[in-house]
C-alpha atoms as a PDB file:
ATOM      1  CA  MET A   1      14.441 -18.357   9.401  1.00  0.00           C
ATOM      2  CA  ALA A   2      13.654 -20.022   6.084  1.00  0.00           C
ATOM      3  CA  ILE A   3      11.197 -22.705   5.156  1.00  0.00           C
ATOM      4  CA  ARG A   4      12.460 -25.127   2.531  1.00  0.00           C
ATOM      5  CA  ILE A   5       9.970 -26.972   0.340  1.00  0.00           C
ATOM      6  CA  ASP A   6      10.962 -30.607  -0.222  1.00  0.00           C
ATOM      7  CA  LEU A   7       7.942 -31.462  -2.344  1.00  0.00           C
ATOM      8  CA  ASP A   8      10.146 -32.567  -5.236  1.00  0.00           C
ATOM      9  CA  VAL A   9      11.979 -35.008  -2.947  1.00  0.00           C
ATOM     10  CA  VAL A  10       8.752 -36.568  -1.657  1.00  0.00           C
ATOM     11  CA  MET A  11       7.342 -36.747  -5.186  1.00  0.00           C
ATOM     12  CA  ALA A  12      10.487 -38.532  -6.393  1.00  0.00           C
ATOM     13  CA  GLN A  13      10.306 -41.002  -3.491  1.00  0.00           C
ATOM     14  CA  ARG A  14       6.694 -41.780  -4.441  1.00  0.00           C
ATOM     15  CA  LYS A  15       7.488 -41.776  -8.183  1.00  0.00           C
ATOM     16  CA  MET A  16       4.747 -39.191  -8.670  1.00  0.00           C
ATOM     17  CA  ARG A  17       4.791 -36.812 -11.621  1.00  0.00           C
ATOM     18  CA  LEU A  18       3.772 -33.165 -11.297  1.00  0.00           C
ATOM     19  CA  LYS A  19       0.865 -33.557 -13.716  1.00  0.00           C
ATOM     20  CA  THR A  20      -0.523 -36.574 -11.855  1.00  0.00           C
ATOM     21  CA  LEU A  21      -0.217 -34.922  -8.449  1.00  0.00           C
ATOM     22  CA  ALA A  22      -1.831 -31.711  -9.709  1.00  0.00           C
ATOM     23  CA  GLN A  23      -4.790 -33.667 -11.098  1.00  0.00           C
ATOM     24  CA  GLN A  24      -5.270 -35.668  -7.903  1.00  0.00           C
ATOM     25  CA  VAL A  25      -4.931 -32.607  -5.654  1.00  0.00           C
ATOM     26  CA  GLY A  26      -7.173 -30.458  -7.855  1.00  0.00           C
ATOM     27  CA  ILE A  27      -4.815 -27.551  -8.553  1.00  0.00           C
ATOM     28  CA  THR A  28      -3.093 -26.397 -11.705  1.00  0.00           C
ATOM     29  CA  GLU A  29       0.315 -27.742 -12.670  1.00  0.00           C
ATOM     30  CA  GLN A  30       1.574 -24.162 -12.701  1.00  0.00           C
ATOM     31  CA  ASN A  31       0.517 -23.509  -9.087  1.00  0.00           C
ATOM     32  CA  LEU A  32       1.959 -26.822  -7.942  1.00  0.00           C
ATOM     33  CA  SER A  33       5.197 -26.035  -9.769  1.00  0.00           C
ATOM     34  CA  VAL A  34       5.458 -22.689  -7.942  1.00  0.00           C
ATOM     35  CA  LEU A  35       5.135 -24.543  -4.643  1.00  0.00           C
ATOM     36  CA  LYS A  36       7.536 -27.323  -5.675  1.00  0.00           C
ATOM     37  CA  ASN A  37      10.203 -24.824  -6.719  1.00  0.00           C
ATOM     38  CA  GLY A  38       9.984 -22.933  -3.414  1.00  0.00           C
ATOM     39  CA  LYS A  39       8.597 -19.761  -4.997  1.00  0.00           C
ATOM     40  CA  ALA A  40       5.237 -19.802  -3.181  1.00  0.00           C
ATOM     41  CA  LYS A  41       4.667 -17.173  -0.503  1.00  0.00           C
ATOM     42  CA  ALA A  42       1.854 -19.184   1.115  1.00  0.00           C
ATOM     43  CA  VAL A  43       0.000 -22.466   0.908  1.00  0.00           C
ATOM     44  CA  ARG A  44      -3.539 -23.184   2.041  1.00  0.00           C
ATOM     45  CA  PHE A  45      -3.880 -25.811   4.730  1.00  0.00           C
ATOM     46  CA  SER A  46      -6.534 -27.539   2.635  1.00  0.00           C
ATOM     47  CA  THR A  47      -4.083 -27.782  -0.293  1.00  0.00           C
ATOM     48  CA  LEU A  48      -1.285 -29.022   1.953  1.00  0.00           C
ATOM     49  CA  ASP A  49      -3.667 -31.569   3.484  1.00  0.00           C
ATOM     50  CA  LYS A  50      -4.678 -32.885   0.061  1.00  0.00           C
ATOM     51  CA  ILE A  51      -1.043 -33.081  -1.110  1.00  0.00           C
ATOM     52  CA  CYS A  52      -0.166 -35.066   2.023  1.00  0.00           C
ATOM     53  CA  GLU A  53      -3.181 -37.330   1.504  1.00  0.00           C
ATOM     54  CA  VAL A  54      -2.207 -38.109  -2.093  1.00  0.00           C
ATOM     55  CA  LEU A  55       1.507 -38.559  -1.302  1.00  0.00           C
ATOM     56  CA  GLU A  56       0.778 -40.425   1.952  1.00  0.00           C
ATOM     57  CA  CYS A  57       3.098 -38.193   3.966  1.00  0.00           C
ATOM     58  CA  GLN A  58       3.093 -35.632   6.762  1.00  0.00           C
ATOM     59  CA  PRO A  59       3.420 -31.834   6.298  1.00  0.00           C
ATOM     60  CA  GLY A  60       6.852 -32.039   7.940  1.00  0.00           C
ATOM     61  CA  ASP A  61       8.012 -34.276   5.087  1.00  0.00           C
ATOM     62  CA  ILE A  62       7.331 -31.413   2.671  1.00  0.00           C
ATOM     63  CA  LEU A  63       7.990 -28.285   4.750  1.00  0.00           C
ATOM     64  CA  VAL A  64      11.402 -28.171   6.429  1.00  0.00           C
ATOM     65  CA  ARG A  65      12.661 -25.316   8.591  1.00  0.00           C
ATOM     66  CA  ASP A  66      16.142 -24.262   7.607  1.00  0.00           C
ATOM     67  CA  GLY A  67      17.607 -22.353  10.545  1.00  0.00           C
ATOM     68  CA  ASN A  68      20.209 -20.366   8.621  1.00  0.00           C
ATOM     69  CA  GLY A  69      18.404 -17.078   9.295  1.00  0.00           C
ATOM     70  CA  SER A  70      17.532 -16.145   5.714  1.00  0.00           C
ATOM     71  CA  GLY A  71      14.426 -16.519   3.619  1.00  0.00           C
ATOM     72  CA  ILE A  72      10.908 -15.784   4.759  1.00  0.00           C
ATOM     73  CA  ASP A  73      10.435 -12.462   6.522  1.00  0.00           C
ATOM     74  CA  GLU A  74       9.690 -12.778  10.217  1.00  0.00           C
ATOM     75  CA  LEU A  75       6.422 -11.393  11.548  1.00  0.00           C
ATOM     76  CA  SER A  76       6.767  -8.242  13.650  1.00  0.00           C
END
């Protein structure tokens, strides 16, 4: 199972730049970039909530499960 991050897609739909979103969410551009590029290992619910508030979207618009069986390690 893999979780794909579609933050860049939602940002493009809203015409939101990384710098602007980072400022409004209250996190660094670098940390937001890590999330946007799918390199993050985790995201706080409070951060996800704020991103969704600013972008006026739902978590499912940003986080998409890709059922190809690769990616994030499954919990044992």
